[in-house]
C-alpha cells in the first residue's frame, strides 16, 4: 500500500453569459474561469490488490457513496481503460464549501482522474482524458488544464490567457446554497439580461487592472437568482454595505467574492470574519 496526497483547488468565474439552451438541455456559455488558492485535500491509499473505492469524509453533508463524483471518476476510468480496478481508500478533507459555485467537487474529480492516469502510466491520451472528463462533469476539463481561460460551449472549449492580476480575492459563502440544476432552471425563465464583456475582462486581467472594469462583470446565473431568492439579495447587500466593495457571484453561487488590494486584504478579511460569523470567509490569490 502506498499513500499519495493531492491538493485540489477551487475556481471563480469573472463574467458568465448564457448564450442559449441546447436541445439536449445543456446551456451554451461564454465565461472566464480562474483557479484560486482554496483547496480540498485528498489522501489516497492505493493497494496493490484489486478491489473497489471507499471514501471517508468528516463533513456529513458530503456523500461518500456513489453520489460522490470521485466514484464516477473511478468507475469511468477503469471502464474506459479496461484495467482491473485497484482497491483505493480516499480521505477527503473538504475545505471548499459545496453549493458555492467554486467547483470543489469538479476539482476533486479532475485531480483524481489525473492521478489515476498517471499512476497507471498514462493509458489515456490527453484527448481521451478530456473526453472522459467532459462525460463526468462540465467543469472537469477546466481543472485538467487548471489555468485561467475563456471557457465556451458547455465547458468543452477553452482559450487560455495569462492572468497577471495581483489582486486578492475574498470569498464569502453564506450558510445556504443552491444546486446547479435549480439555478439553471431559474435562468431559463424570462427576464432582462445584462451581458458581461468577456473580452474587456480578459484584457483587464492580462494588464492587472480588473478593478477598473468592474462595471463589465455580469453573471447570468446571479441575475436569475436575484430575481427569485430574497436571501441572496440580502446577503449581497450586506457584503457591499459592510466592505464598500462591489460583490460578484461565482458560477451558480451562493458564494460571493470581492477584489482587494494586498495592503488592505488581511484587515478586511479579519473584519469580515467577525461580522459574517456564520459564513465561510477565505482570502485567496490567483494561481
C-alpha atoms as a PDB file:
ATOM      1  CA  UNK A   1       0.000   0.000   0.000  1.00  0.00           C
ATOM      2  CA  UNK A   2       1.224   3.476  -0.922  1.00  0.00           C
ATOM      3  CA  UNK A   3      -0.067   6.859   0.243  1.00  0.00           C
ATOM      4  CA  UNK A   4      -0.456   9.895  -2.003  1.00  0.00           C
ATOM      5  CA  UNK A   5      -1.701  13.414  -1.252  1.00  0.00           C
ATOM      6  CA  UNK A   6      -3.484  15.693  -3.709  1.00  0.00           C
ATOM      7  CA  UNK A   7      -4.447  19.374  -3.387  1.00  0.00           C
ATOM      8  CA  UNK A   8      -7.496  20.199  -5.489  1.00  0.00           C
ATOM      9  CA  UNK A   9      -8.082  23.943  -5.897  1.00  0.00           C
ATOM     10  CA  UNK A  10     -11.235  25.981  -6.418  1.00  0.00           C
ATOM     11  CA  UNK A  11     -12.107  28.427  -9.229  1.00  0.00           C
ATOM     12  CA  UNK A  12     -14.069  31.609  -9.676  1.00  0.00           C
ATOM     13  CA  UNK A  13     -15.891  32.995 -12.695  1.00  0.00           C
ATOM     14  CA  UNK A  14     -15.354  36.642 -13.602  1.00  0.00           C
ATOM     15  CA  UNK A  15     -18.202  37.196 -16.028  1.00  0.00           C
ATOM     16  CA  UNK A  16     -20.626  34.496 -17.184  1.00  0.00           C
ATOM     17  CA  UNK A  17     -23.026  34.699 -20.131  1.00  0.00           C
ATOM     18  CA  UNK A  18     -25.607  32.093 -21.098  1.00  0.00           C
ATOM     19  CA  UNK A  19     -25.801  32.160 -24.886  1.00  0.00           C
ATOM     20  CA  UNK A  20     -28.581  29.619 -25.390  1.00  0.00           C
ATOM     21  CA  UNK A  21     -30.154  26.426 -24.148  1.00  0.00           C
ATOM     22  CA  UNK A  22     -29.401  23.471 -26.394  1.00  0.00           C
ATOM     23  CA  UNK A  23     -31.933  20.818 -27.426  1.00  0.00           C
ATOM     24  CA  UNK A  24     -30.277  18.264 -25.136  1.00  0.00           C
ATOM     25  CA  UNK A  25     -30.917  20.539 -22.117  1.00  0.00           C
ATOM     26  CA  UNK A  26     -27.340  21.777 -21.728  1.00  0.00           C
ATOM     27  CA  UNK A  27     -26.587  25.503 -21.752  1.00  0.00           C
ATOM     28  CA  UNK A  28     -24.031  27.080 -24.054  1.00  0.00           C
ATOM     29  CA  UNK A  29     -21.869  29.517 -22.095  1.00  0.00           C
ATOM     30  CA  UNK A  30     -19.225  32.183 -22.567  1.00  0.00           C
ATOM     31  CA  UNK A  31     -17.271  32.955 -19.391  1.00  0.00           C
ATOM     32  CA  UNK A  32     -13.901  33.188 -17.712  1.00  0.00           C
ATOM     33  CA  UNK A  33     -12.702  30.606 -15.203  1.00  0.00           C
ATOM     34  CA  UNK A  34      -9.710  31.274 -12.973  1.00  0.00           C
ATOM     35  CA  UNK A  35      -8.021  28.905 -10.488  1.00  0.00           C
ATOM     36  CA  UNK A  36      -7.609  30.245  -6.932  1.00  0.00           C
ATOM     37  CA  UNK A  37      -5.727  29.210  -3.791  1.00  0.00           C
ATOM     38  CA  UNK A  38      -8.604  27.489  -1.972  1.00  0.00           C
ATOM     39  CA  UNK A  39      -8.018  23.752  -1.600  1.00  0.00           C
ATOM     40  CA  UNK A  40      -9.590  20.416  -0.765  1.00  0.00           C
ATOM     41  CA  UNK A  41      -7.075  17.827   0.460  1.00  0.00           C
ATOM     42  CA  UNK A  42      -7.278  14.227  -0.752  1.00  0.00           C
ATOM     43  CA  UNK A  43      -5.235  11.495   0.914  1.00  0.00           C
ATOM     44  CA  UNK A  44      -5.185   8.366  -1.270  1.00  0.00           C
ATOM     45  CA  UNK A  45      -4.167   4.948  -0.038  1.00  0.00           C
ATOM     46  CA  UNK A  46      -3.612   2.732  -3.068  1.00  0.00           C
ATOM     47  CA  UNK A  47      -3.329  -1.017  -2.545  1.00  0.00           C
ATOM     48  CA  UNK A  48      -1.587  -3.426  -4.874  1.00  0.00           C
ATOM     49  CA  UNK A  49      -4.569  -5.797  -4.971  1.00  0.00           C
ATOM     50  CA  UNK A  50      -7.755  -5.317  -6.969  1.00  0.00           C
ATOM     51  CA  UNK A  51     -10.855  -4.119  -5.161  1.00  0.00           C
ATOM     52  CA  UNK A  52     -13.058  -1.062  -5.033  1.00  0.00           C
ATOM     53  CA  UNK A  53     -13.149   2.560  -3.908  1.00  0.00           C
ATOM     54  CA  UNK A  54     -14.018   3.754  -0.400  1.00  0.00           C
ATOM     55  CA  UNK A  55     -14.372   7.415   0.564  1.00  0.00           C
ATOM     56  CA  UNK A  56     -14.120   8.889   4.059  1.00  0.00           C
ATOM     57  CA  UNK A  57     -15.100  12.466   4.901  1.00  0.00           C
ATOM     58  CA  UNK A  58     -15.823  14.115   8.266  1.00  0.00           C
ATOM     59  CA  UNK A  59     -18.183  16.618   6.629  1.00  0.00           C
ATOM     60  CA  UNK A  60     -21.519  14.793   6.881  1.00  0.00           C
ATOM     61  CA  UNK A  61     -23.074  16.868   4.089  1.00  0.00           C
ATOM     62  CA  UNK A  62     -20.661  15.291   1.586  1.00  0.00           C
ATOM     63  CA  UNK A  63     -21.836  11.929   0.180  1.00  0.00           C
ATOM     64  CA  UNK A  64     -19.329   9.094   0.474  1.00  0.00           C
ATOM     65  CA  UNK A  65     -21.353   6.670  -1.649  1.00  0.00           C
ATOM     66  CA  UNK A  66     -21.794   6.503  -5.427  1.00  0.00           C
ATOM     67  CA  UNK A  67     -23.286  10.009  -5.469  1.00  0.00           C
ATOM     68  CA  UNK A  68     -19.779  11.380  -4.948  1.00  0.00           C
ATOM     69  CA  UNK A  69     -18.047  12.454  -8.174  1.00  0.00           C
ATOM     70  CA  UNK A  70     -14.916  10.526  -7.133  1.00  0.00           C
ATOM     71  CA  UNK A  71     -16.889   7.290  -7.634  1.00  0.00           C
ATOM     72  CA  UNK A  72     -17.915   8.367 -11.134  1.00  0.00           C
ATOM     73  CA  UNK A  73     -14.279   9.115 -11.986  1.00  0.00           C
ATOM     74  CA  UNK A  74     -13.128   5.763 -10.571  1.00  0.00           C
ATOM     75  CA  UNK A  75     -15.763   3.758 -12.471  1.00  0.00           C
ATOM     76  CA  UNK A  76     -15.424   5.645 -15.777  1.00  0.00           C
ATOM     77  CA  UNK A  77     -11.618   5.464 -15.766  1.00  0.00           C
ATOM     78  CA  UNK A  78     -11.424   1.707 -15.191  1.00  0.00           C
ATOM     79  CA  UNK A  79     -14.321   1.075 -17.567  1.00  0.00           C
ATOM     80  CA  UNK A  80     -12.625   3.087 -20.331  1.00  0.00           C
ATOM     81  CA  UNK A  81      -9.119   1.653 -19.847  1.00  0.00           C
ATOM     82  CA  UNK A  82     -10.281  -1.917 -19.113  1.00  0.00           C
ATOM     83  CA  UNK A  83      -7.662  -2.078 -16.332  1.00  0.00           C
ATOM     84  CA  UNK A  84      -8.634  -4.161 -13.306  1.00  0.00           C
ATOM     85  CA  UNK A  85      -9.822  -1.683 -10.618  1.00  0.00           C
ATOM     86  CA  UNK A  86      -7.476  -1.295  -7.675  1.00  0.00           C
ATOM     87  CA  UNK A  87      -8.504  -1.103  -4.046  1.00  0.00           C
ATOM     88  CA  UNK A  88      -8.302   2.600  -3.134  1.00  0.00           C
ATOM     89  CA  UNK A  89      -9.258   4.461   0.050  1.00  0.00           C
ATOM     90  CA  UNK A  90      -9.672   8.245  -0.094  1.00  0.00           C
ATOM     91  CA  UNK A  91      -9.781  10.522   2.950  1.00  0.00           C
ATOM     92  CA  UNK A  92     -11.337  13.772   1.747  1.00  0.00           C
ATOM     93  CA  UNK A  93     -10.680  16.926   3.766  1.00  0.00           C
ATOM     94  CA  UNK A  94     -13.380  19.177   2.375  1.00  0.00           C
ATOM     95  CA  UNK A  95     -12.399  22.821   2.702  1.00  0.00           C
ATOM     96  CA  UNK A  96     -14.085  24.199  -0.434  1.00  0.00           C
ATOM     97  CA  UNK A  97     -17.765  24.562   0.525  1.00  0.00           C
ATOM     98  CA  UNK A  98     -20.325  22.697  -1.626  1.00  0.00           C
ATOM     99  CA  UNK A  99     -23.125  24.518  -3.498  1.00  0.00           C
ATOM    100  CA  UNK A 100     -20.927  27.607  -3.657  1.00  0.00           C
ATOM    101  CA  UNK A 101     -20.074  27.910  -7.368  1.00  0.00           C
ATOM    102  CA  UNK A 102     -16.407  27.296  -6.570  1.00  0.00           C
ATOM    103  CA  UNK A 103     -16.138  23.985  -8.429  1.00  0.00           C
ATOM    104  CA  UNK A 104     -14.891  21.963  -5.439  1.00  0.00           C
ATOM    105  CA  UNK A 105     -16.439  18.651  -6.461  1.00  0.00           C
ATOM    106  CA  UNK A 106     -15.315  19.000 -10.077  1.00  0.00           C
ATOM    107  CA  UNK A 107     -11.794  19.843  -8.963  1.00  0.00           C
ATOM    108  CA  UNK A 108     -11.642  16.776  -6.688  1.00  0.00           C
ATOM    109  CA  UNK A 109     -12.802  14.646  -9.616  1.00  0.00           C
ATOM    110  CA  UNK A 110     -10.346  16.125 -12.124  1.00  0.00           C
ATOM    111  CA  UNK A 111      -7.329  15.782  -9.834  1.00  0.00           C
ATOM    112  CA  UNK A 112      -8.285  12.178  -9.023  1.00  0.00           C
ATOM    113  CA  UNK A 113      -8.687  11.427 -12.751  1.00  0.00           C
ATOM    114  CA  UNK A 114      -5.240  12.896 -13.485  1.00  0.00           C
ATOM    115  CA  UNK A 115      -3.800  10.832 -10.640  1.00  0.00           C
ATOM    116  CA  UNK A 116      -5.295   7.549 -11.910  1.00  0.00           C
ATOM    117  CA  UNK A 117      -3.994   8.172 -15.416  1.00  0.00           C
ATOM    118  CA  UNK A 118      -0.521   8.981 -14.089  1.00  0.00           C
ATOM    119  CA  UNK A 119      -0.468   6.042 -11.640  1.00  0.00           C
ATOM    120  CA  UNK A 120      -1.283   3.582 -14.426  1.00  0.00           C
ATOM    121  CA  UNK A 121       1.425   5.005 -16.726  1.00  0.00           C
ATOM    122  CA  UNK A 122      -0.881   7.124 -18.931  1.00  0.00           C
ATOM    123  CA  UNK A 123      -3.171   4.631 -20.669  1.00  0.00           C
ATOM    124  CA  UNK A 124      -5.327   7.568 -21.838  1.00  0.00           C
ATOM    125  CA  UNK A 125      -4.041  10.242 -24.206  1.00  0.00           C
ATOM    126  CA  UNK A 126      -4.680  13.886 -23.317  1.00  0.00           C
ATOM    127  CA  UNK A 127      -7.546  13.969 -25.826  1.00  0.00           C
ATOM    128  CA  UNK A 128      -9.133  10.825 -24.321  1.00  0.00           C
ATOM    129  CA  UNK A 129      -8.692  12.224 -20.812  1.00  0.00           C
ATOM    130  CA  UNK A 130     -10.538  15.431 -21.724  1.00  0.00           C
ATOM    131  CA  UNK A 131     -13.295  13.478 -23.470  1.00  0.00           C
ATOM    132  CA  UNK A 132     -13.764  11.289 -20.382  1.00  0.00           C
ATOM    133  CA  UNK A 133     -13.719  14.323 -18.072  1.00  0.00           C
ATOM    134  CA  UNK A 134     -16.473  16.061 -20.060  1.00  0.00           C
ATOM    135  CA  UNK A 135     -18.664  12.941 -19.749  1.00  0.00           C
ATOM    136  CA  UNK A 136     -18.369  13.137 -15.949  1.00  0.00           C
ATOM    137  CA  UNK A 137     -18.987  16.869 -15.445  1.00  0.00           C
ATOM    138  CA  UNK A 138     -18.898  20.170 -17.334  1.00  0.00           C
ATOM    139  CA  UNK A 139     -16.188  21.786 -15.151  1.00  0.00           C
ATOM    140  CA  UNK A 140     -13.784  18.828 -15.084  1.00  0.00           C
ATOM    141  CA  UNK A 141     -11.970  19.668 -18.354  1.00  0.00           C
ATOM    142  CA  UNK A 142     -11.101  23.110 -16.971  1.00  0.00           C
ATOM    143  CA  UNK A 143      -9.469  21.584 -13.887  1.00  0.00           C
ATOM    144  CA  UNK A 144      -7.424  19.191 -16.019  1.00  0.00           C
ATOM    145  CA  UNK A 145      -5.689  22.261 -17.513  1.00  0.00           C
ATOM    146  CA  UNK A 146      -6.127  24.346 -14.348  1.00  0.00           C
ATOM    147  CA  UNK A 147      -5.100  27.649 -15.937  1.00  0.00           C
ATOM    148  CA  UNK A 148      -7.040  30.885 -16.446  1.00  0.00           C
ATOM    149  CA  UNK A 149      -9.183  30.545 -19.548  1.00  0.00           C
ATOM    150  CA  UNK A 150     -12.100  31.811 -21.558  1.00  0.00           C
ATOM    151  CA  UNK A 151     -14.461  28.857 -21.461  1.00  0.00           C
ATOM    152  CA  UNK A 152     -17.181  28.383 -24.069  1.00  0.00           C
ATOM    153  CA  UNK A 153     -19.720  25.828 -25.252  1.00  0.00           C
ATOM    154  CA  UNK A 154     -20.720  23.508 -22.413  1.00  0.00           C
ATOM    155  CA  UNK A 155     -17.284  23.838 -20.832  1.00  0.00           C
ATOM    156  CA  UNK A 156     -15.504  21.928 -23.584  1.00  0.00           C
ATOM    157  CA  UNK A 157     -13.895  24.855 -25.430  1.00  0.00           C
ATOM    158  CA  UNK A 158     -11.050  26.607 -23.602  1.00  0.00           C
ATOM    159  CA  UNK A 159      -8.854  29.513 -24.664  1.00  0.00           C
ATOM    160  CA  UNK A 160      -6.134  30.039 -22.027  1.00  0.00           C
ATOM    161  CA  UNK A 161      -4.897  33.556 -21.229  1.00  0.00           C
ATOM    162  CA  UNK A 162      -2.231  34.986 -18.943  1.00  0.00           C
ATOM    163  CA  UNK A 163      -3.808  36.403 -15.802  1.00  0.00           C
ATOM    164  CA  UNK A 164      -1.391  38.978 -14.391  1.00  0.00           C
ATOM    165  CA  UNK A 165      -3.787  40.342 -11.789  1.00  0.00           C
ATOM    166  CA  UNK A 166      -2.222  40.734  -8.347  1.00  0.00           C
ATOM    167  CA  UNK A 167      -5.464  41.465  -6.510  1.00  0.00           C
ATOM    168  CA  UNK A 168      -6.526  39.295  -3.604  1.00  0.00           C
ATOM    169  CA  UNK A 169      -9.920  37.611  -3.775  1.00  0.00           C
ATOM    170  CA  UNK A 170     -12.049  37.423  -0.631  1.00  0.00           C
ATOM    171  CA  UNK A 171     -14.645  34.641  -0.794  1.00  0.00           C
ATOM    172  CA  UNK A 172     -17.784  34.836   1.357  1.00  0.00           C
ATOM    173  CA  UNK A 173     -20.061  31.784   1.419  1.00  0.00           C
ATOM    174  CA  UNK A 174     -23.374  32.016   3.338  1.00  0.00           C
ATOM    175  CA  UNK A 175     -24.980  29.143   5.247  1.00  0.00           C
ATOM    176  CA  UNK A 176     -27.388  28.483   2.372  1.00  0.00           C
ATOM    177  CA  UNK A 177     -26.550  27.140  -1.071  1.00  0.00           C
ATOM    178  CA  UNK A 178     -28.184  26.334  -4.399  1.00  0.00           C
ATOM    179  CA  UNK A 179     -27.950  23.269  -6.558  1.00  0.00           C
ATOM    180  CA  UNK A 180     -26.620  23.932 -10.057  1.00  0.00           C
ATOM    181  CA  UNK A 181     -29.701  22.263 -11.560  1.00  0.00           C
ATOM    182  CA  UNK A 182     -32.048  24.598  -9.661  1.00  0.00           C
ATOM    183  CA  UNK A 183     -30.106  27.716 -10.719  1.00  0.00           C
ATOM    184  CA  UNK A 184     -30.085  26.800 -14.423  1.00  0.00           C
ATOM    185  CA  UNK A 185     -33.841  26.161 -14.243  1.00  0.00           C
ATOM    186  CA  UNK A 186     -34.337  29.680 -12.908  1.00  0.00           C
ATOM    187  CA  UNK A 187     -32.085  31.068 -15.655  1.00  0.00           C
ATOM    188  CA  UNK A 188     -34.465  29.677 -18.287  1.00  0.00           C
ATOM    189  CA  UNK A 189     -37.306  31.929 -17.060  1.00  0.00           C
ATOM    190  CA  UNK A 190     -37.947  35.197 -18.981  1.00  0.00           C
ATOM    191  CA  UNK A 191     -36.073  38.242 -17.590  1.00  0.00           C
ATOM    192  CA  UNK A 192     -33.978  41.247 -18.554  1.00  0.00           C
ATOM    193  CA  UNK A 193     -30.306  40.386 -19.090  1.00  0.00           C
ATOM    194  CA  UNK A 194     -27.069  42.306 -18.679  1.00  0.00           C
ATOM    195  CA  UNK A 195     -24.196  40.901 -20.710  1.00  0.00           C
ATOM    196  CA  UNK A 196     -20.653  40.512 -19.399  1.00  0.00           C
ATOM    197  CA  UNK A 197     -17.954  41.950 -21.661  1.00  0.00           C
ATOM    198  CA  UNK A 198     -15.673  38.898 -21.601  1.00  0.00           C
ATOM    199  CA  UNK A 199     -13.122  40.412 -23.985  1.00  0.00           C
ATOM    200  CA  UNK A 200     -12.649  43.511 -21.775  1.00  0.00           C
ATOM    201  CA  UNK A 201     -12.493  41.387 -18.606  1.00  0.00           C
ATOM    202  CA  UNK A 202      -9.695  39.221 -20.041  1.00  0.00           C
ATOM    203  CA  UNK A 203      -7.771  42.276 -21.272  1.00  0.00           C
ATOM    204  CA  UNK A 204      -8.049  43.848 -17.806  1.00  0.00           C
ATOM    205  CA  UNK A 205      -6.788  40.660 -16.127  1.00  0.00           C
ATOM    206  CA  UNK A 206      -3.865  40.495 -18.565  1.00  0.00           C
ATOM    207  CA  UNK A 207      -2.999  44.107 -17.722  1.00  0.00           C
ATOM    208  CA  UNK A 208      -3.589  43.882 -13.935  1.00  0.00           C
ATOM    209  CA  UNK A 209      -6.434  46.419 -13.813  1.00  0.00           C
ATOM    210  CA  UNK A 210      -9.549  44.319 -13.210  1.00  0.00           C
ATOM    211  CA  UNK A 211     -10.866  46.765 -10.549  1.00  0.00           C
ATOM    212  CA  UNK A 212     -11.194  49.381 -13.299  1.00  0.00           C
ATOM    213  CA  UNK A 213     -13.513  47.121 -15.314  1.00  0.00           C
ATOM    214  CA  UNK A 214     -15.914  46.005 -12.595  1.00  0.00           C
ATOM    215  CA  UNK A 215     -18.856  47.513 -14.477  1.00  0.00           C
ATOM    216  CA  UNK A 216     -18.212  44.977 -17.295  1.00  0.00           C
ATOM    217  CA  UNK A 217     -18.639  41.963 -14.959  1.00  0.00           C
ATOM    218  CA  UNK A 218     -22.063  40.315 -15.029  1.00  0.00           C
ATOM    219  CA  UNK A 219     -23.218  36.791 -14.286  1.00  0.00           C
ATOM    220  CA  UNK A 220     -26.401  35.491 -15.929  1.00  0.00           C
ATOM    221  CA  UNK A 221     -26.899  32.955 -13.146  1.00  0.00           C
ATOM    222  CA  UNK A 222     -26.656  35.643 -10.470  1.00  0.00           C
ATOM    223  CA  UNK A 223     -29.224  37.766 -12.303  1.00  0.00           C
ATOM    224  CA  UNK A 224     -31.603  34.765 -12.366  1.00  0.00           C
ATOM    225  CA  UNK A 225     -31.090  34.084  -8.647  1.00  0.00           C
ATOM    226  CA  UNK A 226     -31.526  37.713  -7.585  1.00  0.00           C
ATOM    227  CA  UNK A 227     -34.919  37.705  -9.328  1.00  0.00           C
ATOM    228  CA  UNK A 228     -36.143  34.865  -7.086  1.00  0.00           C
ATOM    229  CA  UNK A 229     -34.011  34.486  -3.956  1.00  0.00           C
ATOM    230  CA  UNK A 230     -34.534  37.207  -1.329  1.00  0.00           C
ATOM    231  CA  UNK A 231     -31.875  35.723   0.960  1.00  0.00           C
ATOM    232  CA  UNK A 232     -29.247  36.195  -1.748  1.00  0.00           C
ATOM    233  CA  UNK A 233     -30.261  39.813  -2.360  1.00  0.00           C
ATOM    234  CA  UNK A 234     -29.894  40.498   1.375  1.00  0.00           C
ATOM    235  CA  UNK A 235     -26.534  38.714   1.556  1.00  0.00           C
ATOM    236  CA  UNK A 236     -25.098  40.667  -1.379  1.00  0.00           C
ATOM    237  CA  UNK A 237     -26.346  43.968   0.051  1.00  0.00           C
ATOM    238  CA  UNK A 238     -24.822  43.103   3.425  1.00  0.00           C
ATOM    239  CA  UNK A 239     -21.407  42.396   1.847  1.00  0.00           C
ATOM    240  CA  UNK A 240     -21.395  45.570  -0.244  1.00  0.00           C
ATOM    241  CA  UNK A 241     -22.627  47.749   2.607  1.00  0.00           C
ATOM    242  CA  UNK A 242     -20.038  46.410   5.067  1.00  0.00           C
ATOM    243  CA  UNK A 243     -16.977  46.255   2.781  1.00  0.00           C
ATOM    244  CA  UNK A 244     -17.867  49.142   0.450  1.00  0.00           C
ATOM    245  CA  UNK A 245     -16.752  46.909  -2.396  1.00  0.00           C
ATOM    246  CA  UNK A 246     -18.700  45.521  -5.348  1.00  0.00           C
ATOM    247  CA  UNK A 247     -19.539  41.833  -4.794  1.00  0.00           C
ATOM    248  CA  UNK A 248     -19.711  39.235  -7.570  1.00  0.00           C
ATOM    249  CA  UNK A 249     -21.308  35.798  -7.555  1.00  0.00           C
ATOM    250  CA  UNK A 250     -19.098  32.959  -8.749  1.00  0.00           C
ATOM    251  CA  UNK A 251     -20.709  30.362 -11.002  1.00  0.00           C
ATOM    252  CA  UNK A 252     -24.125  29.283  -9.766  1.00  0.00           C
ATOM    253  CA  UNK A 253     -23.422  30.542  -6.236  1.00  0.00           C
ATOM    254  CA  UNK A 254     -24.053  31.013  -3.423  1.00  0.00           C
ATOM    255  CA  UNK A 255     -20.500  32.300  -2.760  1.00  0.00           C
ATOM    256  CA  UNK A 256     -19.651  35.912  -3.485  1.00  0.00           C
ATOM    257  CA  UNK A 257     -16.214  37.418  -3.911  1.00  0.00           C
ATOM    258  CA  UNK A 258     -14.725  40.908  -3.722  1.00  0.00           C
ATOM    259  CA  UNK A 259     -11.411  42.193  -5.060  1.00  0.00           C
ATOM    260  CA  UNK A 260      -8.931  43.588  -2.527  1.00  0.00           C
ATOM    261  CA  UNK A 261      -5.537  45.242  -2.761  1.00  0.00           C
ATOM    262  CA  UNK A 262      -2.826  43.385  -0.831  1.00  0.00           C
ATOM    263  CA  UNK A 263      -2.291  46.206   1.675  1.00  0.00           C
ATOM    264  CA  UNK A 264      -5.963  46.135   2.790  1.00  0.00           C
ATOM    265  CA  UNK A 265      -6.728  42.423   2.319  1.00  0.00           C
ATOM    266  CA  UNK A 266      -5.874  40.959   5.732  1.00  0.00           C
ATOM    267  CA  UNK A 267      -7.540  43.795   7.628  1.00  0.00           C
ATOM    268  CA  UNK A 268     -10.807  43.428   5.677  1.00  0.00           C
ATOM    269  CA  UNK A 269     -10.661  39.626   5.964  1.00  0.00           C
ATOM    270  CA  UNK A 270     -10.380  39.879   9.787  1.00  0.00           C
ATOM    271  CA  UNK A 271     -13.283  42.331   9.954  1.00  0.00           C
ATOM    272  CA  UNK A 272     -15.441  40.126   7.709  1.00  0.00           C
ATOM    273  CA  UNK A 273     -14.720  37.031   9.819  1.00  0.00           C
ATOM    274  CA  UNK A 274     -16.033  38.874  12.873  1.00  0.00           C
ATOM    275  CA  UNK A 275     -19.042  40.396  11.112  1.00  0.00           C
ATOM    276  CA  UNK A 276     -20.112  37.408   8.977  1.00  0.00           C
ATOM    277  CA  UNK A 277     -19.812  34.907  11.847  1.00  0.00           C
ATOM    278  CA  UNK A 278     -21.892  32.123  10.250  1.00  0.00           C
ATOM    279  CA  UNK A 279     -20.179  32.390   6.852  1.00  0.00           C
ATOM    280  CA  UNK A 280     -17.121  30.816   5.310  1.00  0.00           C
ATOM    281  CA  UNK A 281     -14.641  33.669   4.780  1.00  0.00           C
ATOM    282  CA  UNK A 282     -11.492  32.855   2.832  1.00  0.00           C
ATOM    283  CA  UNK A 283      -8.807  35.110   1.407  1.00  0.00           C
ATOM    284  CA  UNK A 284      -7.323  33.750  -1.824  1.00  0.00           C
ATOM    285  CA  UNK A 285      -4.963  34.679  -4.614  1.00  0.00           C
ATOM    286  CA  UNK A 286      -4.988  33.645  -8.264  1.00  0.00           C
ATOM    287  CA  UNK A 287      -2.849  30.648  -9.222  1.00  0.00           C
END
